Amino acid sequence: LNDFSVEFSDKRIVFQNFIESDPFLQDKLELIYHEYQLKSLGYKLAIKGLMSEAVAYMARNYALRLMSEKESRRREKQMDLLNTAISYIKVHYSENISLKQLADAACLSESRFSHLFTETFSASPMNYLNEVRVKKARNLLRSGEYRVSVAALLSGFSDLNNFRRQYRKVYSEVPSSTLK
């Protein structure tokens, strides 16, 4: 979900966080994979060249903007704060987590945290949390060891109807269709 960037001298190019299927890039990735698989003489150099072509192509076709060094450092600090909250979610997803707890983990006010998180990940913190929970529940359901209600509870959902609604939102299907 994040934008990604590449650094050139004192500037950083920020790319769109979603690049649709692009034949040129697909071709370059396939060639890189092929070179890596064969590992013929000079394969590392060939991979570097193909990567350079891909980055140049993305810069010309998908770059959102150039960031100054100052802006780049500010963005890295913000990402460090948000990564703290993401780590908190990964550890405590099954618990009752509030926006305040996430904001505190990132050392930000609730409003600043919510704004920064949504701007960065294109999802509100609570929507992100629900998506993490739904993915955890899906893994439990796929194991075949848990019923829907148990998987929901283990994943942090106390309301089964809300779990079903969130699951359908993420996967466009009902949780029981995932059962083994």
Foldseek 3Di string as FASTA:
>chain_A
DFFDWDDDDQKIWTFDPDDPDDVLLVVLVVVLVVLVVVVPVCSVVVNVVSVVVNVVVRSVPTTPDMDGNVRVVVVVLLVVLQVQLVVVLVVQLLEDDDLCNSCVSSVHDSVVNQVSCCVGVVDGPVLVSLVQLLVQLLVVQLVLPDDQVVSNNSSRHPDSVVNQVSNCVVPVDGSVVSHD
